[in-house]
Amino acid sequence: MSKDNTPKPSKDAAAKPKRAQDVYTLVVELGRREGDGLPASATGAGLLCYASGVDEAEAVRETVAVLKTADMNPLEVTGYGTLTEREAQGLEIDEEERSLMMRALEENSVIVAQMTPYFAEDDET
C-alpha cells in the first residue's frame, strides 16, 4: 500500500476568507470614572474617533473595548459612516482627517482624533 502524499488543507485554509476592513468615524460620549484622565472638574467628554473594522458594529465594539482598558467610561457611541459614505453625503474631508483614517486602517486600530471635556454650567438660573 502506498501512502497518499497529497497535502491536506490546513485549518487556516478552511477558515472564512478575511473581509475587507474599513474605517468608521465615531463620536463617543464618556461619563466619569476614577483614573480616566479627564480634567478634575469635567463631567464627561466627547471623543472623535476613527476605528477600523469589517463593519460599523465591529468598529464600535473595538472602540468601546479600547476605551474601557484605558479606564474610560463610554456611555454612547454614534457612528457617522466610512470615508466613502461621508463623501457621498457631500462632506469635505481634509487631508489631516484622511491621514488619521489611513493610519487607523493601516494599524487596524482606534485613533482618538479629538477630545472635548464637558463641564457643568457655572450659573444655575
Protein backbone atom coordinates (compact mmCIF):
# COMPACT_ATOMS: atom_id res chain seq x y z
CA MET A 1 0.00 0.00 0.00
CA SER A 2 1.37 3.39 -0.92
CA LYS A 3 0.91 6.48 1.22
CA ASP A 4 -1.12 9.31 -0.18
CA ASN A 5 1.24 12.30 -0.33
CA THR A 6 -1.38 14.85 -1.28
CA PRO A 7 -1.23 17.83 1.05
CA LYS A 8 -4.22 18.19 3.31
CA PRO A 9 -5.76 21.63 3.69
CA SER A 10 -4.64 23.35 6.87
CA LYS A 11 -7.11 24.56 9.43
CA ASP A 12 -6.30 28.13 8.37
CA ALA A 13 -7.21 27.37 4.76
CA ALA A 14 -10.61 26.14 5.91
CA ALA A 15 -11.22 29.39 7.79
CA LYS A 16 -13.51 32.01 6.33
CA PRO A 17 -11.90 34.43 3.92
CA LYS A 18 -10.99 37.75 5.50
CA ARG A 19 -13.42 40.57 4.86
CA ALA A 20 -12.02 43.94 3.92
CA GLN A 21 -11.52 46.42 6.73
CA ASP A 22 -12.82 49.96 6.52
CA VAL A 23 -12.54 52.97 8.82
CA TYR A 24 -15.55 54.40 10.61
CA THR A 25 -15.95 57.85 12.11
CA LEU A 26 -17.37 57.58 15.62
CA VAL A 27 -18.27 60.06 18.35
CA VAL A 28 -18.10 58.56 21.84
CA GLU A 29 -19.74 60.19 24.85
CA LEU A 30 -17.85 59.47 28.08
CA GLY A 31 -19.02 59.56 31.66
CA ARG A 32 -16.65 59.89 34.59
CA ARG A 33 -14.61 57.06 36.07
CA GLU A 34 -11.78 57.18 38.56
CA GLY A 35 -8.46 57.37 36.75
CA ASP A 36 -9.98 58.39 33.40
CA GLY A 37 -7.50 61.23 32.86
CA LEU A 38 -10.19 63.86 32.27
CA PRO A 39 -9.87 67.28 33.96
CA ALA A 40 -10.98 67.09 37.61
CA SER A 41 -13.92 69.46 37.11
CA ALA A 42 -15.19 67.78 33.91
CA THR A 43 -18.49 65.93 33.99
CA GLY A 44 -17.55 63.78 30.99
CA ALA A 45 -16.20 64.19 27.48
CA GLY A 46 -16.83 63.63 23.82
CA LEU A 47 -14.27 61.82 21.69
CA LEU A 48 -13.94 61.91 17.91
CA CYS A 49 -12.51 58.53 16.88
CA TYR A 50 -11.54 56.74 13.71
CA ALA A 51 -11.80 52.98 14.12
CA SER A 52 -11.14 50.14 11.71
CA GLY A 53 -13.48 47.18 11.35
CA VAL A 54 -15.18 44.93 8.84
CA ASP A 55 -18.41 46.73 9.69
CA GLU A 56 -19.52 49.58 11.93
CA ALA A 57 -20.63 47.23 14.71
CA GLU A 58 -17.13 45.75 14.96
CA ALA A 59 -15.56 49.24 14.94
CA VAL A 60 -17.86 50.28 17.80
CA ARG A 61 -17.10 47.12 19.83
CA GLU A 62 -13.35 47.59 19.38
CA THR A 63 -13.53 51.28 20.29
CA VAL A 64 -15.53 50.61 23.46
CA ALA A 65 -13.12 47.81 24.45
CA VAL A 66 -10.05 50.02 23.94
CA LEU A 67 -11.57 52.89 25.92
CA LYS A 68 -12.54 50.60 28.79
CA THR A 69 -8.98 49.29 29.01
CA ALA A 70 -7.90 52.95 29.29
CA ASP A 71 -10.17 53.34 32.37
CA MET A 72 -12.70 55.43 30.45
CA ASN A 73 -16.46 55.10 30.76
CA PRO A 74 -18.08 55.06 27.29
CA LEU A 75 -21.80 55.76 27.57
CA GLU A 76 -22.93 56.20 23.97
CA VAL A 77 -21.39 55.82 20.52
CA THR A 78 -22.72 57.50 17.40
CA GLY A 79 -21.48 56.33 14.00
CA TYR A 80 -21.04 58.72 11.09
CA GLY A 81 -20.01 56.17 8.48
CA THR A 82 -16.96 55.50 6.33
CA LEU A 83 -14.97 57.97 4.28
CA THR A 84 -16.90 56.93 1.17
CA GLU A 85 -20.26 57.33 2.93
CA ARG A 86 -19.33 60.73 4.31
CA GLU A 87 -18.14 61.94 0.90
CA ALA A 88 -21.41 60.70 -0.65
CA GLN A 89 -23.21 62.98 1.83
CA GLY A 90 -21.25 65.91 0.38
CA LEU A 91 -18.96 66.35 3.39
CA GLU A 92 -15.46 67.71 2.80
CA ILE A 93 -12.75 65.65 4.47
CA ASP A 94 -9.43 67.48 4.93
CA GLU A 95 -6.02 65.88 4.47
CA GLU A 96 -5.30 65.65 8.21
CA GLU A 97 -8.52 63.71 8.78
CA ARG A 98 -7.80 61.45 5.79
CA SER A 99 -4.33 60.81 7.16
CA LEU A 100 -5.71 59.76 10.56
CA MET A 101 -8.23 57.48 8.85
CA MET A 102 -5.48 55.84 6.80
CA ARG A 103 -3.41 55.35 9.94
CA ALA A 104 -6.34 53.62 11.67
CA LEU A 105 -6.75 51.34 8.65
CA GLU A 106 -3.04 50.53 8.29
CA GLU A 107 -2.61 49.86 12.02
CA ASN A 108 -6.02 48.16 12.42
CA SER A 109 -6.56 50.46 15.37
CA VAL A 110 -8.67 53.08 17.08
CA ILE A 111 -7.41 56.66 16.74
CA VAL A 112 -8.75 59.31 19.12
CA ALA A 113 -8.56 62.45 16.99
CA GLN A 114 -10.15 64.93 19.38
CA MET A 115 -11.31 65.09 22.98
CA THR A 116 -13.74 67.72 24.23
CA PRO A 117 -14.28 67.72 28.02
CA TYR A 118 -17.73 68.65 29.30
CA PHE A 119 -18.18 70.94 32.28
CA ALA A 120 -21.27 71.69 34.38
CA GLU A 121 -22.80 75.11 33.88
CA ASP A 122 -21.47 77.65 36.40
CA ASP A 123 -24.71 79.61 36.73
CA GLU A 124 -27.79 77.71 37.74
CA THR A 125 -30.68 80.00 36.83
